[in-house]
PDB file of N, CA and C in Angstrom:
ATOM      1  N   MET A   1     -16.560  43.621  -9.594  1.00  0.00           N
ATOM      2  CA  MET A   1     -17.077  42.906  -8.449  1.00  0.00           C
ATOM      3  C   MET A   1     -17.957  41.745  -8.910  1.00  0.00           C
ATOM      4  N   LEU A   2     -18.810  41.993  -9.880  1.00  0.00           N
ATOM      5  CA  LEU A   2     -19.691  40.940 -10.377  1.00  0.00           C
ATOM      6  C   LEU A   2     -18.909  39.877 -11.135  1.00  0.00           C
ATOM      7  N   SER A   3     -17.841  40.288 -11.831  1.00  0.00           N
ATOM      8  CA  SER A   3     -17.042  39.296 -12.564  1.00  0.00           C
ATOM      9  C   SER A   3     -16.321  38.357 -11.596  1.00  0.00           C
ATOM     10  N   GLY A   4     -15.889  38.877 -10.439  1.00  0.00           N
ATOM     11  CA  GLY A   4     -15.264  38.024  -9.433  1.00  0.00           C
ATOM     12  C   GLY A   4     -16.250  37.003  -8.885  1.00  0.00           C
ATOM     13  N   PHE A   5     -17.496  37.432  -8.674  1.00  0.00           N
ATOM     14  CA  PHE A   5     -18.531  36.519  -8.191  1.00  0.00           C
ATOM     15  C   PHE A   5     -18.823  35.449  -9.237  1.00  0.00           C
ATOM     16  N   ARG A   6     -18.907  35.846 -10.496  1.00  0.00           N
ATOM     17  CA  ARG A   6     -19.163  34.898 -11.583  1.00  0.00           C
ATOM     18  C   ARG A   6     -18.011  33.888 -11.667  1.00  0.00           C
ATOM     19  N   LYS A   7     -16.783  34.365 -11.544  1.00  0.00           N
ATOM     20  CA  LYS A   7     -15.619  33.481 -11.574  1.00  0.00           C
ATOM     21  C   LYS A   7     -15.676  32.480 -10.419  1.00  0.00           C
ATOM     22  N   PHE A   8     -16.061  32.976  -9.231  1.00  0.00           N
ATOM     23  CA  PHE A   8     -16.192  32.100  -8.067  1.00  0.00           C
ATOM     24  C   PHE A   8     -17.217  31.003  -8.314  1.00  0.00           C
ATOM     25  N   LEU A   9     -18.376  31.378  -8.879  1.00  0.00           N
ATOM     26  CA  LEU A   9     -19.436  30.396  -9.123  1.00  0.00           C
ATOM     27  C   LEU A   9     -19.046  29.371 -10.180  1.00  0.00           C
ATOM     28  N   LEU A  10     -18.271  29.797 -11.145  1.00  0.00           N
ATOM     29  CA  LEU A  10     -17.948  28.903 -12.244  1.00  0.00           C
ATOM     30  C   LEU A  10     -16.623  28.173 -12.074  1.00  0.00           C
ATOM     31  N   GLN A  11     -15.978  28.346 -10.944  1.00  0.00           N
ATOM     32  CA  GLN A  11     -14.741  27.618 -10.693  1.00  0.00           C
ATOM     33  C   GLN A  11     -15.025  26.126 -10.652  1.00  0.00           C
ATOM     34  N   GLY A  12     -14.090  25.370 -11.150  1.00  0.00           N
ATOM     35  CA  GLY A  12     -14.257  23.919 -11.171  1.00  0.00           C
ATOM     36  C   GLY A  12     -14.387  23.313  -9.788  1.00  0.00           C
ATOM     37  N   ASN A  13     -13.674  23.857  -8.806  1.00  0.00           N
ATOM     38  CA  ASN A  13     -13.703  23.275  -7.468  1.00  0.00           C
ATOM     39  C   ASN A  13     -15.083  23.402  -6.839  1.00  0.00           C
ATOM     40  N   LEU A  14     -15.733  24.526  -7.030  1.00  0.00           N
ATOM     41  CA  LEU A  14     -17.061  24.724  -6.449  1.00  0.00           C
ATOM     42  C   LEU A  14     -18.065  23.761  -7.064  1.00  0.00           C
ATOM     43  N   ILE A  15     -18.046  23.643  -8.365  1.00  0.00           N
ATOM     44  CA  ILE A  15     -18.981  22.741  -9.051  1.00  0.00           C
ATOM     45  C   ILE A  15     -18.692  21.295  -8.668  1.00  0.00           C
ATOM     46  N   THR A  16     -17.432  20.925  -8.650  1.00  0.00           N
ATOM     47  CA  THR A  16     -17.054  19.560  -8.283  1.00  0.00           C
ATOM     48  C   THR A  16     -17.494  19.234  -6.858  1.00  0.00           C
ATOM     49  N   THR A  17     -17.299  20.168  -5.955  1.00  0.00           N
ATOM     50  CA  THR A  17     -17.701  19.957  -4.564  1.00  0.00           C
ATOM     51  C   THR A  17     -19.214  19.825  -4.450  1.00  0.00           C
ATOM     52  N   ALA A  18     -19.948  20.653  -5.168  1.00  0.00           N
ATOM     53  CA  ALA A  18     -21.416  20.586  -5.132  1.00  0.00           C
ATOM     54  C   ALA A  18     -21.915  19.242  -5.666  1.00  0.00           C
ATOM     55  N   VAL A  19     -21.348  18.801  -6.779  1.00  0.00           N
ATOM     56  CA  VAL A  19     -21.753  17.510  -7.348  1.00  0.00           C
ATOM     57  C   VAL A  19     -21.405  16.383  -6.383  1.00  0.00           C
ATOM     58  N   ALA A  20     -20.217  16.447  -5.778  1.00  0.00           N
ATOM     59  CA  ALA A  20     -19.819  15.409  -4.818  1.00  0.00           C
ATOM     60  C   ALA A  20     -20.767  15.374  -3.628  1.00  0.00           C
ATOM     61  N   PHE A  21     -21.167  16.542  -3.148  1.00  0.00           N
ATOM     62  CA  PHE A  21     -22.098  16.603  -2.009  1.00  0.00           C
ATOM     63  C   PHE A  21     -23.444  15.980  -2.375  1.00  0.00           C
ATOM     64  N   ILE A  22     -23.957  16.326  -3.543  1.00  0.00           N
ATOM     65  CA  ILE A  22     -25.244  15.772  -3.983  1.00  0.00           C
ATOM     66  C   ILE A  22     -25.153  14.262  -4.144  1.00  0.00           C
ATOM     67  N   MET A  23     -24.080  13.797  -4.771  1.00  0.00           N
ATOM     68  CA  MET A  23     -23.923  12.355  -4.969  1.00  0.00           C
ATOM     69  C   MET A  23     -23.740  11.637  -3.632  1.00  0.00           C
ATOM     70  N   ALA A  24     -22.996  12.244  -2.711  1.00  0.00           N
ATOM     71  CA  ALA A  24     -22.792  11.621  -1.400  1.00  0.00           C
ATOM     72  C   ALA A  24     -24.094  11.522  -0.626  1.00  0.00           C
ATOM     73  N   THR A  25     -24.913  12.552  -0.703  1.00  0.00           N
ATOM     74  CA  THR A  25     -26.207  12.524  -0.018  1.00  0.00           C
ATOM     75  C   THR A  25     -27.086  11.414  -0.580  1.00  0.00           C
ATOM     76  N   THR A  26     -27.116  11.289  -1.881  1.00  0.00           N
ATOM     77  CA  THR A  26     -27.914  10.241  -2.517  1.00  0.00           C
ATOM     78  C   THR A  26     -27.356   8.859  -2.179  1.00  0.00           C
ATOM     79  N   PHE A  27     -26.036   8.737  -2.217  1.00  0.00           N
ATOM     80  CA  PHE A  27     -25.402   7.462  -1.893  1.00  0.00           C
ATOM     81  C   PHE A  27     -25.663   7.081  -0.440  1.00  0.00           C
ATOM     82  N   ALA A  28     -25.701   8.065   0.447  1.00  0.00           N
ATOM     83  CA  ALA A  28     -25.993   7.805   1.859  1.00  0.00           C
ATOM     84  C   ALA A  28     -27.391   7.210   2.020  1.00  0.00           C
ATOM     85  N   ALA A  29     -28.337   7.674   1.220  1.00  0.00           N
ATOM     86  CA  ALA A  29     -29.697   7.117   1.284  1.00  0.00           C
ATOM     87  C   ALA A  29     -29.695   5.654   0.831  1.00  0.00           C
ATOM     88  N   VAL A  30     -28.926   5.345  -0.206  1.00  0.00           N
ATOM     89  CA  VAL A  30     -28.834   3.963  -0.688  1.00  0.00           C
ATOM     90  C   VAL A  30     -28.203   3.078   0.390  1.00  0.00           C
ATOM     91  N   VAL A  31     -27.126   3.551   0.995  1.00  0.00           N
ATOM     92  CA  VAL A  31     -26.459   2.778   2.044  1.00  0.00           C
ATOM     93  C   VAL A  31     -27.388   2.582   3.239  1.00  0.00           C
ATOM     94  N   ALA A  32     -28.112   3.635   3.623  1.00  0.00           N
ATOM     95  CA  ALA A  32     -29.041   3.528   4.754  1.00  0.00           C
ATOM     96  C   ALA A  32     -30.120   2.480   4.474  1.00  0.00           C
ATOM     97  N   ALA A  33     -30.637   2.446   3.251  1.00  0.00           N
ATOM     98  CA  ALA A  33     -31.646   1.445   2.902  1.00  0.00           C
ATOM     99  C   ALA A  33     -31.055   0.040   2.946  1.00  0.00           C
ATOM    100  N   PHE A  34     -29.822  -0.105   2.473  1.00  0.00           N
ATOM    101  CA  PHE A  34     -29.156  -1.410   2.502  1.00  0.00           C
ATOM    102  C   PHE A  34     -28.910  -1.864   3.934  1.00  0.00           C
ATOM    103  N   VAL A  35     -28.493  -0.945   4.795  1.00  0.00           N
ATOM    104  CA  VAL A  35     -28.272  -1.259   6.202  1.00  0.00           C
ATOM    105  C   VAL A  35     -29.575  -1.700   6.855  1.00  0.00           C
ATOM    106  N   LYS A  36     -30.666  -1.037   6.523  1.00  0.00           N
ATOM    107  CA  LYS A  36     -31.973  -1.410   7.075  1.00  0.00           C
ATOM    108  C   LYS A  36     -32.330  -2.848   6.694  1.00  0.00           C
ATOM    109  N   ILE A  37     -32.052  -3.214   5.439  1.00  0.00           N
ATOM    110  CA  ILE A  37     -32.316  -4.593   4.998  1.00  0.00           C
ATOM    111  C   ILE A  37     -31.491  -5.577   5.826  1.00  0.00           C
ATOM    112  N   ILE A  38     -30.207  -5.281   5.995  1.00  0.00           N
ATOM    113  CA  ILE A  38     -29.325  -6.172   6.768  1.00  0.00           C
ATOM    114  C   ILE A  38     -29.812  -6.276   8.218  1.00  0.00           C
ATOM    115  N   LEU A  39     -30.181  -5.141   8.797  1.00  0.00           N
ATOM    116  CA  LEU A  39     -30.655  -5.163  10.187  1.00  0.00           C
ATOM    117  C   LEU A  39     -31.974  -5.916  10.322  1.00  0.00           C
ATOM    118  N   ASP A  40     -32.859  -5.776   9.342  1.00  0.00           N
ATOM    119  CA  ASP A  40     -34.115  -6.531   9.376  1.00  0.00           C
ATOM    120  C   ASP A  40     -33.842  -8.032   9.298  1.00  0.00           C
ATOM    121  N   LEU A  41     -32.900  -8.421   8.431  1.00  0.00           N
ATOM    122  CA  LEU A  41     -32.547  -9.838   8.329  1.00  0.00           C
ATOM    123  C   LEU A  41     -31.913 -10.336   9.629  1.00  0.00           C
ATOM    124  N   ALA A  42     -31.064  -9.524  10.238  1.00  0.00           N
ATOM    125  CA  ALA A  42     -30.452  -9.907  11.512  1.00  0.00           C
ATOM    126  C   ALA A  42     -31.502 -10.009  12.605  1.00  0.00           C
ATOM    127  N   GLY A  43     -32.461  -9.101  12.585  1.00  0.00           N
ATOM    128  CA  GLY A  43     -33.552  -9.165  13.568  1.00  0.00           C
ATOM    129  C   GLY A  43     -34.386 -10.413  13.403  1.00  0.00           C
ATOM    130  N   LYS A  44     -34.686 -10.760  12.159  1.00  0.00           N
ATOM    131  CA  LYS A  44     -35.479 -11.976  11.909  1.00  0.00           C
ATOM    132  C   LYS A  44     -34.692 -13.217  12.335  1.00  0.00           C
ATOM    133  N   ALA A  45     -33.377 -13.196  12.114  1.00  0.00           N
ATOM    134  CA  ALA A  45     -32.554 -14.334  12.537  1.00  0.00           C
ATOM    135  C   ALA A  45     -32.530 -14.441  14.056  1.00  0.00           C
ATOM    136  N   GLY A  46     -32.640 -13.317  14.749  1.00  0.00           N
ATOM    137  CA  GLY A  46     -32.650 -13.313  16.207  1.00  0.00           C
ATOM    138  C   GLY A  46     -34.029 -13.512  16.788  1.00  0.00           C
ATOM    139  N   GLY A  47     -35.041 -13.643  15.940  1.00  0.00           N
ATOM    140  CA  GLY A  47     -36.394 -13.907  16.415  1.00  0.00           C
ATOM    141  C   GLY A  47     -37.140 -12.671  16.865  1.00  0.00           C
ATOM    142  N   THR A  48     -36.701 -11.499  16.451  1.00  0.00           N
ATOM    143  CA  THR A  48     -37.393 -10.261  16.821  1.00  0.00           C
ATOM    144  C   THR A  48     -37.514  -9.378  15.590  1.00  0.00           C
ATOM    145  N   SER A  49     -38.572  -8.600  15.549  1.00  0.00           N
ATOM    146  CA  SER A  49     -38.735  -7.722  14.389  1.00  0.00           C
ATOM    147  C   SER A  49     -37.988  -6.407  14.575  1.00  0.00           C
ATOM    148  N   ALA A  50     -37.808  -5.994  15.841  1.00  0.00           N
ATOM    149  CA  ALA A  50     -37.095  -4.758  16.126  1.00  0.00           C
ATOM    150  C   ALA A  50     -35.778  -5.125  16.810  1.00  0.00           C
ATOM    151  N   PHE A  51     -34.752  -5.301  16.025  1.00  0.00           N
ATOM    152  CA  PHE A  51     -33.467  -5.751  16.542  1.00  0.00           C
ATOM    153  C   PHE A  51     -32.878  -4.743  17.529  1.00  0.00           C
ATOM    154  N   SER A  52     -33.147  -3.468  17.336  1.00  0.00           N
ATOM    155  CA  SER A  52     -32.598  -2.433  18.228  1.00  0.00           C
ATOM    156  C   SER A  52     -33.151  -2.541  19.639  1.00  0.00           C
ATOM    157  N   GLY A  53     -34.316  -3.127  19.794  1.00  0.00           N
ATOM    158  CA  GLY A  53     -34.927  -3.253  21.102  1.00  0.00           C
ATOM    159  C   GLY A  53     -34.502  -4.499  21.855  1.00  0.00           C
ATOM    160  N   TYR A  54     -33.553  -5.237  21.344  1.00  0.00           N
ATOM    161  CA  TYR A  54     -33.094  -6.482  21.963  1.00  0.00           C
ATOM    162  C   TYR A  54     -32.457  -6.166  23.319  1.00  0.00           C
ATOM    163  N   ALA A  55     -32.980  -6.792  24.392  1.00  0.00           N
ATOM    164  CA  ALA A  55     -32.486  -6.522  25.747  1.00  0.00           C
ATOM    165  C   ALA A  55     -32.524  -7.802  26.573  1.00  0.00           C
ATOM    166  N   PRO A  56     -31.543  -8.691  26.395  1.00  0.00           N
ATOM    167  CA  PRO A  56     -31.545  -9.920  27.198  1.00  0.00           C
ATOM    168  C   PRO A  56     -31.236  -9.599  28.656  1.00  0.00           C
ATOM    169  N   GLY A  57     -32.046 -10.096  29.535  1.00  0.00           N
ATOM    170  CA  GLY A  57     -31.849  -9.859  30.967  1.00  0.00           C
ATOM    171  C   GLY A  57     -32.004  -8.396  31.349  1.00  0.00           C
ATOM    172  N   GLY A  58     -32.709  -7.625  30.533  1.00  0.00           N
ATOM    173  CA  GLY A  58     -32.924  -6.214  30.838  1.00  0.00           C
ATOM    174  C   GLY A  58     -31.783  -5.299  30.430  1.00  0.00           C
ATOM    175  N   VAL A  59     -30.721  -5.850  29.848  1.00  0.00           N
ATOM    176  CA  VAL A  59     -29.597  -5.031  29.392  1.00  0.00           C
ATOM    177  C   VAL A  59     -29.824  -4.693  27.923  1.00  0.00           C
ATOM    178  N   HIS A  60     -29.905  -3.432  27.620  1.00  0.00           N
ATOM    179  CA  HIS A  60     -30.215  -2.983  26.261  1.00  0.00           C
ATOM    180  C   HIS A  60     -28.963  -2.997  25.381  1.00  0.00           C
ATOM    181  N   VAL A  61     -28.674  -4.148  24.825  1.00  0.00           N
ATOM    182  CA  VAL A  61     -27.516  -4.290  23.946  1.00  0.00           C
ATOM    183  C   VAL A  61     -27.894  -4.166  22.479  1.00  0.00           C
ATOM    184  N   GLY A  62     -29.174  -4.118  22.204  1.00  0.00           N
ATOM    185  CA  GLY A  62     -29.651  -4.042  20.823  1.00  0.00           C
ATOM    186  C   GLY A  62     -29.155  -2.815  20.084  1.00  0.00           C
ATOM    187  N   LEU A  63     -29.167  -1.659  20.731  1.00  0.00           N
ATOM    188  CA  LEU A  63     -28.688  -0.441  20.068  1.00  0.00           C
ATOM    189  C   LEU A  63     -27.206  -0.540  19.747  1.00  0.00           C
ATOM    190  N   PHE A  64     -26.420  -1.111  20.665  1.00  0.00           N
ATOM    191  CA  PHE A  64     -24.991  -1.278  20.410  1.00  0.00           C
ATOM    192  C   PHE A  64     -24.764  -2.236  19.251  1.00  0.00           C
ATOM    193  N   ILE A  65     -25.457  -3.359  19.265  1.00  0.00           N
ATOM    194  CA  ILE A  65     -25.307  -4.340  18.187  1.00  0.00           C
ATOM    195  C   ILE A  65     -25.739  -3.724  16.864  1.00  0.00           C
ATOM    196  N   THR A  66     -26.808  -2.952  16.882  1.00  0.00           N
ATOM    197  CA  THR A  66     -27.268  -2.262  15.676  1.00  0.00           C
ATOM    198  C   THR A  66     -26.202  -1.298  15.168  1.00  0.00           C
ATOM    199  N   ALA A  67     -25.583  -0.549  16.071  1.00  0.00           N
ATOM    200  CA  ALA A  67     -24.539   0.398  15.666  1.00  0.00           C
ATOM    201  C   ALA A  67     -23.335  -0.328  15.071  1.00  0.00           C
ATOM    202  N   VAL A  68     -22.951  -1.460  15.661  1.00  0.00           N
ATOM    203  CA  VAL A  68     -21.810  -2.223  15.147  1.00  0.00           C
ATOM    204  C   VAL A  68     -22.131  -2.787  13.767  1.00  0.00           C
ATOM    205  N   ILE A  69     -23.310  -3.370  13.616  1.00  0.00           N
ATOM    206  CA  ILE A  69     -23.715  -3.920  12.316  1.00  0.00           C
ATOM    207  C   ILE A  69     -23.782  -2.800  11.281  1.00  0.00           C
ATOM    208  N   THR A  70     -24.345  -1.660  11.662  1.00  0.00           N
ATOM    209  CA  THR A  70     -24.429  -0.516  10.745  1.00  0.00           C
ATOM    210  C   THR A  70     -23.039  -0.081  10.302  1.00  0.00           C
ATOM    211  N   PHE A  71     -22.111   0.025  11.245  1.00  0.00           N
ATOM    212  CA  PHE A  71     -20.743   0.421  10.911  1.00  0.00           C
ATOM    213  C   PHE A  71     -20.103  -0.551   9.936  1.00  0.00           C
ATOM    214  N   VAL A  72     -20.224  -1.847  10.209  1.00  0.00           N
ATOM    215  CA  VAL A  72     -19.600  -2.853   9.347  1.00  0.00           C
ATOM    216  C   VAL A  72     -20.218  -2.828   7.956  1.00  0.00           C
ATOM    217  N   VAL A  73     -21.531  -2.725   7.872  1.00  0.00           N
ATOM    218  CA  VAL A  73     -22.195  -2.708   6.564  1.00  0.00           C
ATOM    219  C   VAL A  73     -21.817  -1.441   5.786  1.00  0.00           C
ATOM    220  N   VAL A  74     -21.836  -0.287   6.455  1.00  0.00           N
ATOM    221  CA  VAL A  74     -21.473   0.963   5.773  1.00  0.00           C
ATOM    222  C   VAL A  74     -20.019   0.898   5.306  1.00  0.00           C
ATOM    223  N   ALA A  75     -19.131   0.410   6.150  1.00  0.00           N
ATOM    224  CA  ALA A  75     -17.724   0.298   5.761  1.00  0.00           C
ATOM    225  C   ALA A  75     -17.565  -0.636   4.565  1.00  0.00           C
ATOM    226  N   ALA A  76     -18.273  -1.754   4.562  1.00  0.00           N
ATOM    227  CA  ALA A  76     -18.187  -2.700   3.443  1.00  0.00           C
ATOM    228  C   ALA A  76     -18.733  -2.084   2.161  1.00  0.00           C
ATOM    229  N   VAL A  77     -19.875  -1.415   2.253  1.00  0.00           N
ATOM    230  CA  VAL A  77     -20.463  -0.792   1.065  1.00  0.00           C
ATOM    231  C   VAL A  77     -19.540   0.291   0.523  1.00  0.00           C
ATOM    232  N   VAL A  78     -19.022   1.135   1.387  1.00  0.00           N
ATOM    233  CA  VAL A  78     -18.123   2.196   0.930  1.00  0.00           C
ATOM    234  C   VAL A  78     -16.867   1.596   0.313  1.00  0.00           C
ATOM    235  N   TYR A  79     -16.319   0.568   0.942  1.00  0.00           N
ATOM    236  CA  TYR A  79     -15.098  -0.037   0.408  1.00  0.00           C
ATOM    237  C   TYR A  79     -15.335  -0.674  -0.956  1.00  0.00           C
ATOM    238  N   PHE A  80     -16.373  -1.526  -1.046  1.00  0.00           N
ATOM    239  CA  PHE A  80     -16.583  -2.272  -2.283  1.00  0.00           C
ATOM    240  C   PHE A  80     -17.268  -1.456  -3.374  1.00  0.00           C
ATOM    241  N   ALA A  81     -18.045  -0.443  -3.010  1.00  0.00           N
ATOM    242  CA  ALA A  81     -18.751   0.344  -4.023  1.00  0.00           C
ATOM    243  C   ALA A  81     -18.022   1.624  -4.403  1.00  0.00           C
ATOM    244  N   VAL A  82     -17.092   2.097  -3.556  1.00  0.00           N
ATOM    245  CA  VAL A  82     -16.399   3.348  -3.854  1.00  0.00           C
ATOM    246  C   VAL A  82     -14.887   3.136  -3.959  1.00  0.00           C
ATOM    247  N   VAL A  83     -14.275   2.613  -2.917  1.00  0.00           N
ATOM    248  CA  VAL A  83     -12.812   2.538  -2.859  1.00  0.00           C
ATOM    249  C   VAL A  83     -12.248   1.601  -3.923  1.00  0.00           C
ATOM    250  N   VAL A  84     -12.780   0.391  -4.019  1.00  0.00           N
ATOM    251  CA  VAL A  84     -12.248  -0.581  -4.983  1.00  0.00           C
ATOM    252  C   VAL A  84     -12.416  -0.090  -6.420  1.00  0.00           C
ATOM    253  N   PRO A  85     -13.618   0.344  -6.847  1.00  0.00           N
ATOM    254  CA  PRO A  85     -13.731   0.846  -8.227  1.00  0.00           C
ATOM    255  C   PRO A  85     -12.860   2.078  -8.483  1.00  0.00           C
ATOM    256  N   TYR A  86     -12.762   2.969  -7.500  1.00  0.00           N
ATOM    257  CA  TYR A  86     -11.928   4.161  -7.669  1.00  0.00           C
ATOM    258  C   TYR A  86     -10.464   3.772  -7.826  1.00  0.00           C
ATOM    259  N   THR A  87      -9.999   2.834  -7.022  1.00  0.00           N
ATOM    260  CA  THR A  87      -8.607   2.397  -7.107  1.00  0.00           C
ATOM    261  C   THR A  87      -8.316   1.765  -8.461  1.00  0.00           C
ATOM    262  N   HIS A  88      -9.228   0.905  -8.938  1.00  0.00           N
ATOM    263  CA  HIS A  88      -9.033   0.280 -10.244  1.00  0.00           C
ATOM    264  C   HIS A  88      -9.038   1.316 -11.358  1.00  0.00           C
ATOM    265  N   ALA A  89      -9.967   2.264 -11.299  1.00  0.00           N
ATOM    266  CA  ALA A  89     -10.036   3.301 -12.329  1.00  0.00           C
ATOM    267  C   ALA A  89      -8.792   4.180 -12.300  1.00  0.00           C
ATOM    268  N   LYS A  90      -8.333   4.521 -11.109  1.00  0.00           N
ATOM    269  CA  LYS A  90      -7.146   5.357 -10.989  1.00  0.00           C
ATOM    270  C   LYS A  90      -5.923   4.637 -11.551  1.00  0.00           C
ATOM    271  N   GLU A  91      -5.768   3.354 -11.241  1.00  0.00           N
ATOM    272  CA  GLU A  91      -4.634   2.595 -11.766  1.00  0.00           C
ATOM    273  C   GLU A  91      -4.721   2.436 -13.281  1.00  0.00           C
ATOM    274  N   ARG A  92      -5.929   2.318 -13.798  1.00  0.00           N
ATOM    275  CA  ARG A  92      -6.100   2.120 -15.243  1.00  0.00           C
ATOM    276  C   ARG A  92      -5.864   3.404 -16.018  1.00  0.00           C
ATOM    277  N   PHE A  93      -6.477   4.505 -15.568  1.00  0.00           N
ATOM    278  CA  PHE A  93      -6.419   5.745 -16.328  1.00  0.00           C
ATOM    279  C   PHE A  93      -5.267   6.665 -15.930  1.00  0.00           C
ATOM    280  N   PHE A  94      -4.763   6.526 -14.711  1.00  0.00           N
ATOM    281  CA  PHE A  94      -3.667   7.361 -14.237  1.00  0.00           C
ATOM    282  C   PHE A  94      -2.609   6.486 -13.568  1.00  0.00           C
ATOM    283  N   PRO A  95      -1.909   5.687 -14.365  1.00  0.00           N
ATOM    284  CA  PRO A  95      -0.915   4.792 -13.756  1.00  0.00           C
ATOM    285  C   PRO A  95       0.229   5.593 -13.144  1.00  0.00           C
ATOM    286  N   ASP A  96       0.878   4.987 -12.172  1.00  0.00           N
ATOM    287  CA  ASP A  96       2.031   5.633 -11.547  1.00  0.00           C
ATOM    288  C   ASP A  96       3.127   5.780 -12.591  1.00  0.00           C
ATOM    289  N   PRO A  97       3.807   6.897 -12.591  1.00  0.00           N
ATOM    290  CA  PRO A  97       4.870   7.077 -13.579  1.00  0.00           C
ATOM    291  C   PRO A  97       6.004   6.097 -13.338  1.00  0.00           C
ATOM    292  N   GLU A  98       6.689   5.795 -14.418  1.00  0.00           N
ATOM    293  CA  GLU A  98       7.835   4.898 -14.317  1.00  0.00           C
ATOM    294  C   GLU A  98       8.876   5.526 -13.396  1.00  0.00           C
ATOM    295  N   PRO A  99       9.526   4.704 -12.584  1.00  0.00           N
ATOM    296  CA  PRO A  99      10.553   5.282 -11.730  1.00  0.00           C
ATOM    297  C   PRO A  99      11.695   5.818 -12.588  1.00  0.00           C
ATOM    298  N   GLY A 100      12.089   6.997 -12.280  1.00  0.00           N
ATOM    299  CA  GLY A 100      13.150   7.649 -13.035  1.00  0.00           C
ATOM    300  C   GLY A 100      13.724   8.752 -12.176  1.00  0.00           C
ATOM    301  N   GLN A 101      14.241   9.745 -12.851  1.00  0.00           N
ATOM    302  CA  GLN A 101      14.822  10.851 -12.121  1.00  0.00           C
ATOM    303  C   GLN A 101      13.724  11.692 -11.467  1.00  0.00           C
ATOM    304  N   THR A 102      13.972  12.028 -10.231  1.00  0.00           N
ATOM    305  CA  THR A 102      13.067  12.917  -9.532  1.00  0.00           C
ATOM    306  C   THR A 102      13.606  14.337  -9.643  1.00  0.00           C
ATOM    307  N   GLU A 103      12.817  15.283  -9.222  1.00  0.00           N
ATOM    308  CA  GLU A 103      13.261  16.675  -9.230  1.00  0.00           C
ATOM    309  C   GLU A 103      14.505  16.847  -8.366  1.00  0.00           C
ATOM    310  N   LEU A 104      14.552  16.132  -7.262  1.00  0.00           N
ATOM    311  CA  LEU A 104      15.698  16.228  -6.371  1.00  0.00           C
ATOM    312  C   LEU A 104      16.963  15.709  -7.059  1.00  0.00           C
ATOM    313  N   ASP A 105      16.838  14.620  -7.826  1.00  0.00           N
ATOM    314  CA  ASP A 105      17.986  14.102  -8.564  1.00  0.00           C
ATOM    315  C   ASP A 105      18.505  15.123  -9.574  1.00  0.00           C
ATOM    316  N   VAL A 106      17.596  15.756 -10.304  1.00  0.00           N
ATOM    317  CA  VAL A 106      17.984  16.764 -11.290  1.00  0.00           C
ATOM    318  C   VAL A 106      18.649  17.943 -10.597  1.00  0.00           C
ATOM    319  N   LEU A 107      18.099  18.406  -9.496  1.00  0.00           N
ATOM    320  CA  LEU A 107      18.705  19.520  -8.769  1.00  0.00           C
ATOM    321  C   LEU A 107      20.094  19.159  -8.250  1.00  0.00           C
ATOM    322  N   ASN A 108      20.270  17.931  -7.786  1.00  0.00           N
ATOM    323  CA  ASN A 108      21.590  17.495  -7.328  1.00  0.00           C
ATOM    324  C   ASN A 108      22.594  17.469  -8.480  1.00  0.00           C
ATOM    325  N   GLU A 109      22.138  17.028  -9.661  1.00  0.00           N
ATOM    326  CA  GLU A 109      23.022  17.040 -10.830  1.00  0.00           C
ATOM    327  C   GLU A 109      23.432  18.464 -11.192  1.00  0.00           C
ATOM    328  N   ILE A 110      22.482  19.387 -11.176  1.00  0.00           N
ATOM    329  CA  ILE A 110      22.777  20.788 -11.483  1.00  0.00           C
ATOM    330  C   ILE A 110      23.782  21.336 -10.475  1.00  0.00           C
ATOM    331  N   ARG A 111      23.572  21.044  -9.199  1.00  0.00           N
ATOM    332  CA  ARG A 111      24.495  21.501  -8.162  1.00  0.00           C
ATOM    333  C   ARG A 111      25.896  20.968  -8.405  1.00  0.00           C
ATOM    334  N   ASP A 112      25.994  19.681  -8.743  1.00  0.00           N
ATOM    335  CA  ASP A 112      27.300  19.075  -8.978  1.00  0.00           C
ATOM    336  C   ASP A 112      27.980  19.671 -10.202  1.00  0.00           C
ATOM    337  N   LEU A 113      27.214  19.919 -11.260  1.00  0.00           N
ATOM    338  CA  LEU A 113      27.791  20.524 -12.461  1.00  0.00           C
ATOM    339  C   LEU A 113      28.287  21.938 -12.186  1.00  0.00           C
ATOM    340  N   LEU A 114      27.507  22.693 -11.435  1.00  0.00           N
ATOM    341  CA  LEU A 114      27.930  24.050 -11.081  1.00  0.00           C
ATOM    342  C   LEU A 114      29.179  24.022 -10.205  1.00  0.00           C
ATOM    343  N   ALA A 115      29.251  23.055  -9.315  1.00  0.00           N
ATOM    344  CA  ALA A 115      30.427  22.944  -8.456  1.00  0.00           C
ATOM    345  C   ALA A 115      31.667  22.582  -9.279  1.00  0.00           C
ATOM    346  N   GLN A 116      31.507  21.784 -10.321  1.00  0.00           N
ATOM    347  CA  GLN A 116      32.636  21.407 -11.181  1.00  0.00           C
ATOM    348  C   GLN A 116      33.123  22.592 -12.016  1.00  0.00           C
ATOM    349  N   GLN A 117      32.224  23.495 -12.375  1.00  0.00           N
ATOM    350  CA  GLN A 117      32.589  24.630 -13.220  1.00  0.00           C
ATOM    351  C   GLN A 117      33.318  25.722 -12.435  1.00  0.00           C
ATOM    352  N   ARG A 118      33.154  25.785 -11.154  1.00  0.00           N
ATOM    353  CA  ARG A 118      33.820  26.804 -10.346  1.00  0.00           C
ATOM    354  C   ARG A 118      35.297  26.466 -10.195  1.00  0.00           C
ATOM    355  N   PRO A 119      36.132  27.476 -10.327  1.00  0.00           N
ATOM    356  CA  PRO A 119      37.555  27.199 -10.078  1.00  0.00           C
ATOM    357  C   PRO A 119      37.801  27.034  -8.578  1.00  0.00           C
ATOM    358  N   ASN A 120      38.598  26.052  -8.240  1.00  0.00           N
ATOM    359  CA  ASN A 120      38.915  25.824  -6.824  1.00  0.00           C
ATOM    360  C   ASN A 120      39.990  26.790  -6.386  1.00  0.00           C
ATOM    361  N   PRO A 121      39.829  27.498  -5.258  1.00  0.00           N
ATOM    362  CA  PRO A 121      40.847  28.473  -4.805  1.00  0.00           C
ATOM    363  C   PRO A 121      42.088  27.819  -4.257  1.00  0.00           C
TER     364      PRO A 121
END
């Protein structure tokens, strides 16, 4: 029973998931700080220090604009800081295999060879 628990704890998937969670949490803090900088700059450009409180004519559009800006900034940071480097690294270290025979092609060849070996009634 204890050996099964030890195996569970030391499995690669559990450790990998834990490290990914820790790194994602830390990365989220970095992205949140970057978004705050962008929102502060947008607020200063709009002439207000609290961009979220922007309400022209009494309509509170500041929160919506803040959410849209946050989404765009987070998407850009994730794309340029995670997706692009990951894609380049994957292409460099794990290139797509050369096109050749697939498993299905090999199985079809085996089927055809077996069909040729059978005597026709």
